[in-house]
Amino acid sequence: MRRSSCGTFSLVLATCLGPVAIALLAVSFATDYWIEFTVDRNRLGASLKTDATRARYTFTRNRGIFRECYYGNDTDLVFRNADGIVDSNCFHISYKFPETTNVDYSADFSTRIHLMRCHMAFFIMALVFFLISYVFGAVVCCWRRSKWAYCAGFCAYFSAFCTAAAIAFFHGAEYLERNKIRDEPQFYQAWDPSIKTATVRDYRWSYILGWVGMGVAALTATLYAVAGCYIGSERYEDKDYLEKRRGREYGYQAYDNRAFPMELAYPDPYAYPPPHRAGPYPGPPYYPGPYVYDMDTRRPLPAVGYGGEQGAPYWTWSG
């Protein structure tokens, strides 16, 4: 089969970018540096620094999808008698509604939790679909069929879409948390004014890796689609090439069934020595001539066949 250099290059590049995209998305999903809250404690009053109920929001911290972590030597007040501590300096981020029934939470509070759940779910879908895309890409490398390349491209595109949707849900939850919700002291609108002015919020490298992973996934999908186009055109070019060469190589298309006796096309099986002593046995029709490799069925076929109707071309292609 004739192979296009552009199709091969696109397929190889997409296969190399696949592990890169998976690593970027996985690291972004698992790490705790989506948002960093930097607090200048020198601008806080002494009462806020020692208030146990609000001390958690007066320290510099990093937040990810699953945890909010405090990496400092002076954070003992934060973890004193606290619940939900993970790895000695992190708090687990809950995706459940509070079990207390004496508080009437606002609709924005409920919407935020649903958006956070969608953020996590779509990120998981992005990872799963890109893994499926990489498997399809490996199949393309082995069998070089355009349909598998298109399947790999579709899954990679869907993975990029899920990543973008997950980040959009993340921003929606963050907007409600910062501008709408006042139900609990952890939200920005419930902070003391001095805490607001002393806190600077930035997006960190986990968030950036999510965007980069989305871009690499989209690029990988495009390369798979391009490779599928070239692989499909290779098959049509091969068929056209063989169609043009068959008459030039054999030159038998002007002959018909009357030009060649049927007894030579289908010789008597008893005219050949048997393969064993039990006696002769009828075998399959005798097909003279070379063989070609059929690209659709993936098996060798005789390069020439025989017409069955009177007057039909005797030498015809079997494919």
C-alpha atoms as a PDB file:
ATOM      1  CA  MET A   1       0.000   0.000   0.000  1.00  0.00           C
ATOM      2  CA  ARG A   2       1.298   3.420  -0.903  1.00  0.00           C
ATOM      3  CA  ARG A   3       1.577   5.629   2.156  1.00  0.00           C
ATOM      4  CA  SER A   4       1.388   9.392   2.376  1.00  0.00           C
ATOM      5  CA  SER A   5       4.208  11.075   4.250  1.00  0.00           C
ATOM      6  CA  CYS A   6       1.807  13.751   5.556  1.00  0.00           C
ATOM      7  CA  GLY A   7      -0.567  11.129   6.922  1.00  0.00           C
ATOM      8  CA  THR A   8       2.271   9.242   8.568  1.00  0.00           C
ATOM      9  CA  PHE A   9       3.685  12.417  10.088  1.00  0.00           C
ATOM     10  CA  SER A  10       0.275  13.465  11.450  1.00  0.00           C
ATOM     11  CA  LEU A  11      -0.307  10.036  12.944  1.00  0.00           C
ATOM     12  CA  VAL A  12       3.126   9.878  14.573  1.00  0.00           C
ATOM     13  CA  LEU A  13       2.818  13.397  15.980  1.00  0.00           C
ATOM     14  CA  ALA A  14      -0.668  12.693  17.350  1.00  0.00           C
ATOM     15  CA  THR A  15       0.588   9.492  18.971  1.00  0.00           C
ATOM     16  CA  CYS A  16       3.448  11.388  20.612  1.00  0.00           C
ATOM     17  CA  LEU A  17       1.171  14.179  21.857  1.00  0.00           C
ATOM     18  CA  GLY A  18      -1.297  11.721  23.377  1.00  0.00           C
ATOM     19  CA  PRO A  19       0.721  10.901  26.531  1.00  0.00           C
ATOM     20  CA  VAL A  20       1.542  14.598  26.925  1.00  0.00           C
ATOM     21  CA  ALA A  21      -2.140  15.554  26.979  1.00  0.00           C
ATOM     22  CA  ILE A  22      -2.990  12.727  29.376  1.00  0.00           C
ATOM     23  CA  ALA A  23      -0.204  13.786  31.744  1.00  0.00           C
ATOM     24  CA  LEU A  24      -1.247  17.450  31.654  1.00  0.00           C
ATOM     25  CA  LEU A  25      -4.900  16.679  32.352  1.00  0.00           C
ATOM     26  CA  ALA A  26      -4.096  14.164  35.084  1.00  0.00           C
ATOM     27  CA  VAL A  27      -1.690  16.493  36.897  1.00  0.00           C
ATOM     28  CA  SER A  28      -4.135  19.381  36.655  1.00  0.00           C
ATOM     29  CA  PHE A  29      -6.924  17.207  38.020  1.00  0.00           C
ATOM     30  CA  ALA A  30      -4.948  15.790  40.938  1.00  0.00           C
ATOM     31  CA  THR A  31      -2.997  18.802  42.238  1.00  0.00           C
ATOM     32  CA  ASP A  32      -4.099  21.546  44.622  1.00  0.00           C
ATOM     33  CA  TYR A  33      -2.926  24.693  42.840  1.00  0.00           C
ATOM     34  CA  TRP A  34      -5.971  25.902  40.953  1.00  0.00           C
ATOM     35  CA  ILE A  35      -6.384  29.042  43.082  1.00  0.00           C
ATOM     36  CA  GLU A  36      -3.993  30.642  45.552  1.00  0.00           C
ATOM     37  CA  PHE A  37      -5.190  33.054  48.230  1.00  0.00           C
ATOM     38  CA  THR A  38      -2.260  35.183  49.393  1.00  0.00           C
ATOM     39  CA  VAL A  39      -3.012  36.972  52.671  1.00  0.00           C
ATOM     40  CA  ASP A  40      -0.908  39.836  54.017  1.00  0.00           C
ATOM     41  CA  ARG A  41      -1.315  39.182  57.730  1.00  0.00           C
ATOM     42  CA  ASN A  42       0.432  42.421  58.623  1.00  0.00           C
ATOM     43  CA  ARG A  43      -2.679  44.263  57.460  1.00  0.00           C
ATOM     44  CA  LEU A  44      -4.989  42.299  59.764  1.00  0.00           C
ATOM     45  CA  GLY A  45      -6.007  43.275  63.252  1.00  0.00           C
ATOM     46  CA  ALA A  46      -4.979  41.265  66.285  1.00  0.00           C
ATOM     47  CA  SER A  47      -8.553  40.131  66.905  1.00  0.00           C
ATOM     48  CA  LEU A  48      -8.816  38.551  63.465  1.00  0.00           C
ATOM     49  CA  LYS A  49      -5.493  36.763  63.835  1.00  0.00           C
ATOM     50  CA  THR A  50      -6.619  35.053  67.021  1.00  0.00           C
ATOM     51  CA  ASP A  51     -10.267  34.418  66.115  1.00  0.00           C
ATOM     52  CA  ALA A  52     -10.540  30.642  65.770  1.00  0.00           C
ATOM     53  CA  THR A  53     -13.751  30.789  63.702  1.00  0.00           C
ATOM     54  CA  ARG A  54     -12.199  33.024  61.054  1.00  0.00           C
ATOM     55  CA  ALA A  55      -8.524  32.124  61.344  1.00  0.00           C
ATOM     56  CA  ARG A  56      -8.819  29.689  58.431  1.00  0.00           C
ATOM     57  CA  TYR A  57      -9.408  32.600  56.047  1.00  0.00           C
ATOM     58  CA  THR A  58      -6.555  34.766  57.340  1.00  0.00           C
ATOM     59  CA  PHE A  59      -3.743  32.511  56.107  1.00  0.00           C
ATOM     60  CA  THR A  60      -2.248  31.990  52.677  1.00  0.00           C
ATOM     61  CA  ARG A  61      -3.665  28.835  51.111  1.00  0.00           C
ATOM     62  CA  ASN A  62      -3.974  26.882  47.862  1.00  0.00           C
ATOM     63  CA  ARG A  63      -7.157  25.290  46.610  1.00  0.00           C
ATOM     64  CA  GLY A  64      -7.620  22.454  44.157  1.00  0.00           C
ATOM     65  CA  ILE A  65     -10.502  20.247  43.111  1.00  0.00           C
ATOM     66  CA  PHE A  66     -10.386  18.045  46.198  1.00  0.00           C
ATOM     67  CA  ARG A  67      -8.408  19.902  48.872  1.00  0.00           C
ATOM     68  CA  GLU A  68      -7.565  23.292  50.336  1.00  0.00           C
ATOM     69  CA  CYS A  69      -4.060  23.295  51.777  1.00  0.00           C
ATOM     70  CA  TYR A  70      -2.152  25.590  54.162  1.00  0.00           C
ATOM     71  CA  TYR A  71       1.610  25.351  53.791  1.00  0.00           C
ATOM     72  CA  GLY A  72       3.016  27.390  56.644  1.00  0.00           C
ATOM     73  CA  ASN A  73       4.650  27.029  60.052  1.00  0.00           C
ATOM     74  CA  ASP A  74       2.235  29.377  61.806  1.00  0.00           C
ATOM     75  CA  THR A  75      -1.024  27.636  60.916  1.00  0.00           C
ATOM     76  CA  ASP A  76      -1.536  25.713  64.160  1.00  0.00           C
ATOM     77  CA  LEU A  77      -4.561  27.857  64.941  1.00  0.00           C
ATOM     78  CA  VAL A  78      -6.203  26.723  61.706  1.00  0.00           C
ATOM     79  CA  PHE A  79      -6.002  23.010  62.484  1.00  0.00           C
ATOM     80  CA  ARG A  80      -6.715  23.260  66.197  1.00  0.00           C
ATOM     81  CA  ASN A  81      -9.859  21.216  66.923  1.00  0.00           C
ATOM     82  CA  ALA A  82     -10.734  21.210  63.202  1.00  0.00           C
ATOM     83  CA  ASP A  83     -12.542  18.446  61.318  1.00  0.00           C
ATOM     84  CA  GLY A  84     -11.863  17.049  57.878  1.00  0.00           C
ATOM     85  CA  ILE A  85      -8.068  17.421  58.022  1.00  0.00           C
ATOM     86  CA  VAL A  86      -6.158  15.616  55.260  1.00  0.00           C
ATOM     87  CA  ASP A  87      -2.371  15.087  55.230  1.00  0.00           C
ATOM     88  CA  SER A  88      -1.927  17.213  58.363  1.00  0.00           C
ATOM     89  CA  ASN A  89      -2.151  20.558  56.524  1.00  0.00           C
ATOM     90  CA  CYS A  90      -5.138  20.303  54.160  1.00  0.00           C
ATOM     91  CA  PHE A  91      -8.911  20.329  54.386  1.00  0.00           C
ATOM     92  CA  HIS A  92     -11.093  18.119  52.255  1.00  0.00           C
ATOM     93  CA  ILE A  93     -13.473  20.005  49.946  1.00  0.00           C
ATOM     94  CA  SER A  94     -16.950  18.548  50.317  1.00  0.00           C
ATOM     95  CA  TYR A  95     -19.289  18.126  47.358  1.00  0.00           C
ATOM     96  CA  LYS A  96     -22.241  17.246  49.563  1.00  0.00           C
ATOM     97  CA  PHE A  97     -24.985  19.439  50.906  1.00  0.00           C
ATOM     98  CA  PRO A  98     -24.616  20.166  54.647  1.00  0.00           C
ATOM     99  CA  GLU A  99     -26.604  17.744  56.758  1.00  0.00           C
ATOM    100  CA  THR A 100     -27.789  20.441  59.171  1.00  0.00           C
ATOM    101  CA  THR A 101     -31.470  21.217  58.762  1.00  0.00           C
ATOM    102  CA  ASN A 102     -31.695  24.361  60.887  1.00  0.00           C
ATOM    103  CA  VAL A 103     -30.084  26.524  58.181  1.00  0.00           C
ATOM    104  CA  ASP A 104     -31.969  27.554  55.069  1.00  0.00           C
ATOM    105  CA  TYR A 105     -29.296  27.718  52.379  1.00  0.00           C
ATOM    106  CA  SER A 106     -29.802  29.972  49.401  1.00  0.00           C
ATOM    107  CA  ALA A 107     -30.348  28.840  45.825  1.00  0.00           C
ATOM    108  CA  ASP A 108     -26.915  30.191  44.893  1.00  0.00           C
ATOM    109  CA  PHE A 109     -25.354  27.935  47.517  1.00  0.00           C
ATOM    110  CA  SER A 110     -27.048  24.874  45.997  1.00  0.00           C
ATOM    111  CA  THR A 111     -26.136  25.955  42.479  1.00  0.00           C
ATOM    112  CA  ARG A 112     -22.496  26.286  43.478  1.00  0.00           C
ATOM    113  CA  ILE A 113     -22.390  22.704  44.735  1.00  0.00           C
ATOM    114  CA  HIS A 114     -23.958  21.443  41.512  1.00  0.00           C
ATOM    115  CA  LEU A 115     -21.431  23.398  39.454  1.00  0.00           C
ATOM    116  CA  MET A 116     -18.569  21.951  41.481  1.00  0.00           C
ATOM    117  CA  ARG A 117     -19.906  18.450  40.873  1.00  0.00           C
ATOM    118  CA  CYS A 118     -20.149  19.140  37.151  1.00  0.00           C
ATOM    119  CA  HIS A 119     -16.588  20.458  37.196  1.00  0.00           C
ATOM    120  CA  MET A 120     -15.273  17.221  38.645  1.00  0.00           C
ATOM    121  CA  ALA A 121     -17.495  14.966  36.501  1.00  0.00           C
ATOM    122  CA  PHE A 122     -16.572  16.624  33.207  1.00  0.00           C
ATOM    123  CA  PHE A 123     -12.884  16.516  34.054  1.00  0.00           C
ATOM    124  CA  ILE A 124     -13.157  12.781  34.684  1.00  0.00           C
ATOM    125  CA  MET A 125     -14.983  12.374  31.370  1.00  0.00           C
ATOM    126  CA  ALA A 126     -12.202  14.285  29.628  1.00  0.00           C
ATOM    127  CA  LEU A 127      -9.583  11.897  30.994  1.00  0.00           C
ATOM    128  CA  VAL A 128     -11.603   8.790  30.115  1.00  0.00           C
ATOM    129  CA  PHE A 129     -12.374   9.867  26.557  1.00  0.00           C
ATOM    130  CA  PHE A 130      -8.813  10.873  25.864  1.00  0.00           C
ATOM    131  CA  LEU A 131      -7.607   7.467  27.039  1.00  0.00           C
ATOM    132  CA  ILE A 132     -10.104   5.894  24.634  1.00  0.00           C
ATOM    133  CA  SER A 133      -8.811   8.202  21.917  1.00  0.00           C
ATOM    134  CA  TYR A 134      -5.258   7.064  22.547  1.00  0.00           C
ATOM    135  CA  VAL A 135      -6.329   3.416  22.268  1.00  0.00           C
ATOM    136  CA  PHE A 136      -7.972   4.152  18.912  1.00  0.00           C
ATOM    137  CA  GLY A 137      -4.782   5.918  17.849  1.00  0.00           C
ATOM    138  CA  ALA A 138      -2.766   2.803  18.679  1.00  0.00           C
ATOM    139  CA  VAL A 139      -5.193   0.770  16.555  1.00  0.00           C
ATOM    140  CA  VAL A 140      -4.583   3.174  13.649  1.00  0.00           C
ATOM    141  CA  CYS A 141      -0.844   2.619  13.980  1.00  0.00           C
ATOM    142  CA  CYS A 142      -1.373  -1.152  13.710  1.00  0.00           C
ATOM    143  CA  TRP A 143      -4.067  -1.398  10.999  1.00  0.00           C
ATOM    144  CA  ARG A 144      -3.918   2.019   9.336  1.00  0.00           C
ATOM    145  CA  ARG A 145      -7.642   2.383   8.675  1.00  0.00           C
ATOM    146  CA  SER A 146      -9.215   5.802   8.334  1.00  0.00           C
ATOM    147  CA  LYS A 147     -12.294   4.949  10.407  1.00  0.00           C
ATOM    148  CA  TRP A 148     -10.165   4.307  13.501  1.00  0.00           C
ATOM    149  CA  ALA A 149      -8.376   7.615  12.965  1.00  0.00           C
ATOM    150  CA  TYR A 150     -11.729   9.406  12.815  1.00  0.00           C
ATOM    151  CA  CYS A 151     -12.871   7.640  15.996  1.00  0.00           C
ATOM    152  CA  ALA A 152      -9.662   8.717  17.743  1.00  0.00           C
ATOM    153  CA  GLY A 153     -10.137  12.294  16.559  1.00  0.00           C
ATOM    154  CA  PHE A 154     -13.762  12.399  17.707  1.00  0.00           C
ATOM    155  CA  CYS A 155     -12.895  11.097  21.190  1.00  0.00           C
ATOM    156  CA  ALA A 156     -10.011  13.555  21.504  1.00  0.00           C
ATOM    157  CA  TYR A 157     -12.250  16.449  20.424  1.00  0.00           C
ATOM    158  CA  PHE A 158     -14.877  15.393  22.943  1.00  0.00           C
ATOM    159  CA  SER A 159     -12.183  15.220  25.625  1.00  0.00           C
ATOM    160  CA  ALA A 160     -11.115  18.785  24.814  1.00  0.00           C
ATOM    161  CA  PHE A 161     -14.748  19.897  24.952  1.00  0.00           C
ATOM    162  CA  CYS A 162     -15.232  18.231  28.355  1.00  0.00           C
ATOM    163  CA  THR A 163     -12.107  19.957  29.664  1.00  0.00           C
ATOM    164  CA  ALA A 164     -13.344  23.353  28.501  1.00  0.00           C
ATOM    165  CA  ALA A 165     -16.778  22.657  30.007  1.00  0.00           C
ATOM    166  CA  ALA A 166     -15.187  21.609  33.312  1.00  0.00           C
ATOM    167  CA  ILE A 167     -13.217  24.861  33.501  1.00  0.00           C
ATOM    168  CA  ALA A 168     -16.383  26.805  32.644  1.00  0.00           C
ATOM    169  CA  PHE A 169     -18.226  25.118  35.518  1.00  0.00           C
ATOM    170  CA  PHE A 170     -15.283  25.937  37.768  1.00  0.00           C
ATOM    171  CA  HIS A 171     -15.551  29.624  36.901  1.00  0.00           C
ATOM    172  CA  GLY A 172     -19.297  29.556  37.460  1.00  0.00           C
ATOM    173  CA  ALA A 173     -18.889  28.110  40.947  1.00  0.00           C
ATOM    174  CA  GLU A 174     -16.122  30.596  41.694  1.00  0.00           C
ATOM    175  CA  TYR A 175     -18.267  33.535  40.567  1.00  0.00           C
ATOM    176  CA  LEU A 176     -21.122  32.536  42.876  1.00  0.00           C
ATOM    177  CA  GLU A 177     -18.705  31.979  45.746  1.00  0.00           C
ATOM    178  CA  ARG A 178     -17.122  35.386  45.360  1.00  0.00           C
ATOM    179  CA  ASN A 179     -20.097  37.575  44.453  1.00  0.00           C
ATOM    180  CA  LYS A 180     -23.357  35.991  45.563  1.00  0.00           C
ATOM    181  CA  ILE A 181     -23.157  33.613  48.513  1.00  0.00           C
ATOM    182  CA  ARG A 182     -23.189  34.800  52.124  1.00  0.00           C
ATOM    183  CA  ASP A 183     -24.397  31.629  53.854  1.00  0.00           C
ATOM    184  CA  GLU A 184     -21.123  30.669  55.587  1.00  0.00           C
ATOM    185  CA  PRO A 185     -17.992  32.552  56.740  1.00  0.00           C
ATOM    186  CA  GLN A 186     -15.831  30.803  54.148  1.00  0.00           C
ATOM    187  CA  PHE A 187     -17.302  32.875  51.306  1.00  0.00           C
ATOM    188  CA  TYR A 188     -15.874  36.189  50.196  1.00  0.00           C
ATOM    189  CA  GLN A 189     -19.018  38.249  50.832  1.00  0.00           C
ATOM    190  CA  ALA A 190     -19.039  37.122  54.482  1.00  0.00           C
ATOM    191  CA  TRP A 191     -15.426  38.110  55.161  1.00  0.00           C
ATOM    192  CA  ASP A 192     -14.405  41.043  57.266  1.00  0.00           C
ATOM    193  CA  PRO A 193     -13.456  44.072  55.104  1.00  0.00           C
ATOM    194  CA  SER A 194      -9.874  43.956  56.358  1.00  0.00           C
ATOM    195  CA  ILE A 195      -9.577  40.311  55.237  1.00  0.00           C
ATOM    196  CA  LYS A 196     -10.871  41.259  51.798  1.00  0.00           C
ATOM    197  CA  THR A 197      -8.317  44.024  51.358  1.00  0.00           C
ATOM    198  CA  ALA A 198      -5.463  41.863  52.665  1.00  0.00           C
ATOM    199  CA  THR A 199      -6.241  38.898  50.376  1.00  0.00           C
ATOM    200  CA  VAL A 200      -5.069  38.550  46.787  1.00  0.00           C
ATOM    201  CA  ARG A 201      -6.456  35.734  44.648  1.00  0.00           C
ATOM    202  CA  ASP A 202      -4.520  34.269  41.702  1.00  0.00           C
ATOM    203  CA  TYR A 203      -4.885  31.310  39.359  1.00  0.00           C
ATOM    204  CA  ARG A 204      -1.972  28.950  39.707  1.00  0.00           C
ATOM    205  CA  TRP A 205      -0.251  26.313  37.612  1.00  0.00           C
ATOM    206  CA  SER A 206      -2.830  23.518  38.044  1.00  0.00           C
ATOM    207  CA  TYR A 207      -5.409  25.767  36.410  1.00  0.00           C
ATOM    208  CA  ILE A 208      -2.968  26.660  33.623  1.00  0.00           C
ATOM    209  CA  LEU A 209      -2.178  22.989  33.009  1.00  0.00           C
ATOM    210  CA  GLY A 210      -5.886  22.363  32.504  1.00  0.00           C
ATOM    211  CA  TRP A 211      -6.031  24.908  29.685  1.00  0.00           C
ATOM    212  CA  VAL A 212      -2.798  23.639  28.141  1.00  0.00           C
ATOM    213  CA  GLY A 213      -4.060  20.048  28.323  1.00  0.00           C
ATOM    214  CA  MET A 214      -7.248  21.109  26.560  1.00  0.00           C
ATOM    215  CA  GLY A 215      -5.231  22.743  23.777  1.00  0.00           C
ATOM    216  CA  VAL A 216      -2.992  19.703  23.339  1.00  0.00           C
ATOM    217  CA  ALA A 217      -6.051  17.431  23.254  1.00  0.00           C
ATOM    218  CA  ALA A 218      -7.650  19.581  20.536  1.00  0.00           C
ATOM    219  CA  LEU A 219      -4.397  19.590  18.546  1.00  0.00           C
ATOM    220  CA  THR A 220      -4.145  15.809  18.869  1.00  0.00           C
ATOM    221  CA  ALA A 221      -7.724  15.444  17.643  1.00  0.00           C
ATOM    222  CA  THR A 222      -6.964  17.619  14.622  1.00  0.00           C
ATOM    223  CA  LEU A 223      -3.908  15.539  13.764  1.00  0.00           C
ATOM    224  CA  TYR A 224      -5.912  12.319  13.995  1.00  0.00           C
ATOM    225  CA  ALA A 225      -8.542  13.797  11.670  1.00  0.00           C
ATOM    226  CA  VAL A 226      -5.875  14.891   9.175  1.00  0.00           C
ATOM    227  CA  ALA A 227      -4.268  11.454   9.333  1.00  0.00           C
ATOM    228  CA  GLY A 228      -7.661   9.855   8.677  1.00  0.00           C
ATOM    229  CA  CYS A 229      -8.151  11.996   5.572  1.00  0.00           C
ATOM    230  CA  TYR A 230      -4.754  11.060   4.186  1.00  0.00           C
ATOM    231  CA  ILE A 231      -5.167   7.376   5.017  1.00  0.00           C
ATOM    232  CA  GLY A 232      -8.543   7.335   3.267  1.00  0.00           C
ATOM    233  CA  SER A 233      -7.078   9.009   0.182  1.00  0.00           C
ATOM    234  CA  GLU A 234      -4.249   6.447   0.152  1.00  0.00           C
ATOM    235  CA  ARG A 235      -6.761   3.645  -0.336  1.00  0.00           C
ATOM    236  CA  TYR A 236      -8.469   5.403  -3.246  1.00  0.00           C
ATOM    237  CA  GLU A 237      -5.129   6.213  -4.856  1.00  0.00           C
ATOM    238  CA  ASP A 238      -4.057   2.577  -4.562  1.00  0.00           C
ATOM    239  CA  LYS A 239      -7.255   1.404  -6.239  1.00  0.00           C
ATOM    240  CA  ASP A 240      -6.852   3.919  -9.074  1.00  0.00           C
ATOM    241  CA  TYR A 241      -3.215   2.935  -9.446  1.00  0.00           C
ATOM    242  CA  LEU A 242      -4.049  -0.745  -9.774  1.00  0.00           C
ATOM    243  CA  GLU A 243      -6.937  -0.052 -12.147  1.00  0.00           C
ATOM    244  CA  LYS A 244      -4.598   1.840 -14.479  1.00  0.00           C
ATOM    245  CA  ARG A 245      -1.842  -0.763 -14.332  1.00  0.00           C
ATOM    246  CA  ARG A 246      -3.834  -3.935 -14.765  1.00  0.00           C
ATOM    247  CA  GLY A 247      -4.533  -3.457 -18.481  1.00  0.00           C
ATOM    248  CA  ARG A 248      -0.981  -2.349 -19.226  1.00  0.00           C
ATOM    249  CA  GLU A 249       0.574  -5.291 -17.397  1.00  0.00           C
ATOM    250  CA  TYR A 250      -1.621  -8.050 -18.752  1.00  0.00           C
ATOM    251  CA  GLY A 251      -3.307  -6.618 -21.850  1.00  0.00           C
ATOM    252  CA  TYR A 252      -6.077  -9.211 -21.907  1.00  0.00           C
ATOM    253  CA  GLN A 253      -9.130  -6.992 -21.675  1.00  0.00           C
ATOM    254  CA  ALA A 254      -9.909  -7.293 -25.388  1.00  0.00           C
ATOM    255  CA  TYR A 255     -10.293 -11.066 -25.115  1.00  0.00           C
ATOM    256  CA  ASP A 256     -13.579 -12.794 -24.446  1.00  0.00           C
ATOM    257  CA  ASN A 257     -14.633 -16.257 -23.401  1.00  0.00           C
ATOM    258  CA  ARG A 258     -14.501 -17.533 -26.961  1.00  0.00           C
ATOM    259  CA  ALA A 259     -10.823 -16.652 -27.253  1.00  0.00           C
ATOM    260  CA  PHE A 260      -9.824 -19.147 -24.602  1.00  0.00           C
ATOM    261  CA  PRO A 261     -11.246 -22.675 -24.255  1.00  0.00           C
ATOM    262  CA  MET A 262     -13.133 -23.389 -21.054  1.00  0.00           C
ATOM    263  CA  GLU A 263     -11.281 -26.673 -20.578  1.00  0.00           C
ATOM    264  CA  LEU A 264      -8.101 -24.664 -20.018  1.00  0.00           C
ATOM    265  CA  ALA A 265      -9.780 -22.310 -17.591  1.00  0.00           C
ATOM    266  CA  TYR A 266     -11.232 -25.227 -15.644  1.00  0.00           C
ATOM    267  CA  PRO A 267      -8.916 -28.166 -16.326  1.00  0.00           C
ATOM    268  CA  ASP A 268      -9.833 -31.726 -15.611  1.00  0.00           C
ATOM    269  CA  PRO A 269      -8.766 -32.485 -12.006  1.00  0.00           C
ATOM    270  CA  TYR A 270      -8.035 -36.090 -13.028  1.00  0.00           C
ATOM    271  CA  ALA A 271      -5.335 -34.876 -15.381  1.00  0.00           C
ATOM    272  CA  TYR A 272      -3.044 -34.069 -12.448  1.00  0.00           C
ATOM    273  CA  PRO A 273      -1.374 -36.597 -10.138  1.00  0.00           C
ATOM    274  CA  PRO A 274      -3.231 -37.070  -6.864  1.00  0.00           C
ATOM    275  CA  PRO A 275      -1.578 -35.993  -3.618  1.00  0.00           C
ATOM    276  CA  HIS A 276      -2.187 -39.443  -2.071  1.00  0.00           C
ATOM    277  CA  ARG A 277      -2.670 -43.053  -3.153  1.00  0.00           C
ATOM    278  CA  ALA A 278      -6.417 -43.184  -2.466  1.00  0.00           C
ATOM    279  CA  GLY A 279      -7.175 -41.824  -5.893  1.00  0.00           C
ATOM    280  CA  PRO A 280      -7.806 -38.498  -7.556  1.00  0.00           C
ATOM    281  CA  TYR A 281     -10.245 -35.976  -6.157  1.00  0.00           C
ATOM    282  CA  PRO A 282     -11.744 -32.842  -7.665  1.00  0.00           C
ATOM    283  CA  GLY A 283     -10.096 -29.610  -6.569  1.00  0.00           C
ATOM    284  CA  PRO A 284     -10.967 -25.953  -6.865  1.00  0.00           C
ATOM    285  CA  PRO A 285     -10.877 -24.180 -10.242  1.00  0.00           C
ATOM    286  CA  TYR A 286      -7.460 -23.422 -11.537  1.00  0.00           C
ATOM    287  CA  TYR A 287      -6.608 -19.707 -11.549  1.00  0.00           C
ATOM    288  CA  PRO A 288      -3.483 -18.851 -13.484  1.00  0.00           C
ATOM    289  CA  GLY A 289      -1.710 -15.584 -13.090  1.00  0.00           C
ATOM    290  CA  PRO A 290      -0.410 -13.385 -10.254  1.00  0.00           C
ATOM    291  CA  TYR A 291      -2.163 -12.281  -7.090  1.00  0.00           C
ATOM    292  CA  VAL A 292      -2.972  -8.876  -5.661  1.00  0.00           C
ATOM    293  CA  TYR A 293      -3.628  -7.820  -2.075  1.00  0.00           C
ATOM    294  CA  ASP A 294      -7.209  -6.699  -1.526  1.00  0.00           C
ATOM    295  CA  MET A 295      -7.253  -3.647   0.787  1.00  0.00           C
ATOM    296  CA  ASP A 296     -10.862  -4.073   1.919  1.00  0.00           C
ATOM    297  CA  THR A 297     -10.879  -7.756   2.873  1.00  0.00           C
ATOM    298  CA  ARG A 298      -7.170  -7.865   3.811  1.00  0.00           C
ATOM    299  CA  ARG A 299      -6.490 -11.077   1.863  1.00  0.00           C
ATOM    300  CA  PRO A 300      -4.723 -11.996  -1.385  1.00  0.00           C
ATOM    301  CA  LEU A 301      -6.900 -12.414  -4.480  1.00  0.00           C
ATOM    302  CA  PRO A 302      -6.016 -13.568  -8.003  1.00  0.00           C
ATOM    303  CA  ALA A 303      -5.140 -10.675 -10.232  1.00  0.00           C
ATOM    304  CA  VAL A 304      -7.333 -12.064 -13.028  1.00  0.00           C
ATOM    305  CA  GLY A 305     -10.677 -13.854 -13.016  1.00  0.00           C
ATOM    306  CA  TYR A 306     -13.011 -15.353 -15.575  1.00  0.00           C
ATOM    307  CA  GLY A 307     -16.250 -14.090 -17.055  1.00  0.00           C
ATOM    308  CA  GLY A 308     -19.249 -16.332 -16.893  1.00  0.00           C
ATOM    309  CA  GLU A 309     -21.519 -14.933 -19.601  1.00  0.00           C
ATOM    310  CA  GLN A 310     -21.068 -15.321 -23.310  1.00  0.00           C
ATOM    311  CA  GLY A 311     -19.420 -12.305 -24.797  1.00  0.00           C
ATOM    312  CA  ALA A 312     -18.289 -10.870 -21.472  1.00  0.00           C
ATOM    313  CA  PRO A 313     -14.609  -9.951 -21.140  1.00  0.00           C
ATOM    314  CA  TYR A 314     -12.695 -13.079 -20.365  1.00  0.00           C
ATOM    315  CA  TRP A 315      -9.912 -11.474 -18.357  1.00  0.00           C
ATOM    316  CA  THR A 316     -11.412  -9.372 -15.561  1.00  0.00           C
ATOM    317  CA  TRP A 317     -10.320  -8.219 -12.163  1.00  0.00           C
ATOM    318  CA  SER A 318     -11.677 -10.256  -9.259  1.00  0.00           C
ATOM    319  CA  GLY A 319     -11.547  -7.271  -6.873  1.00  0.00           C
END
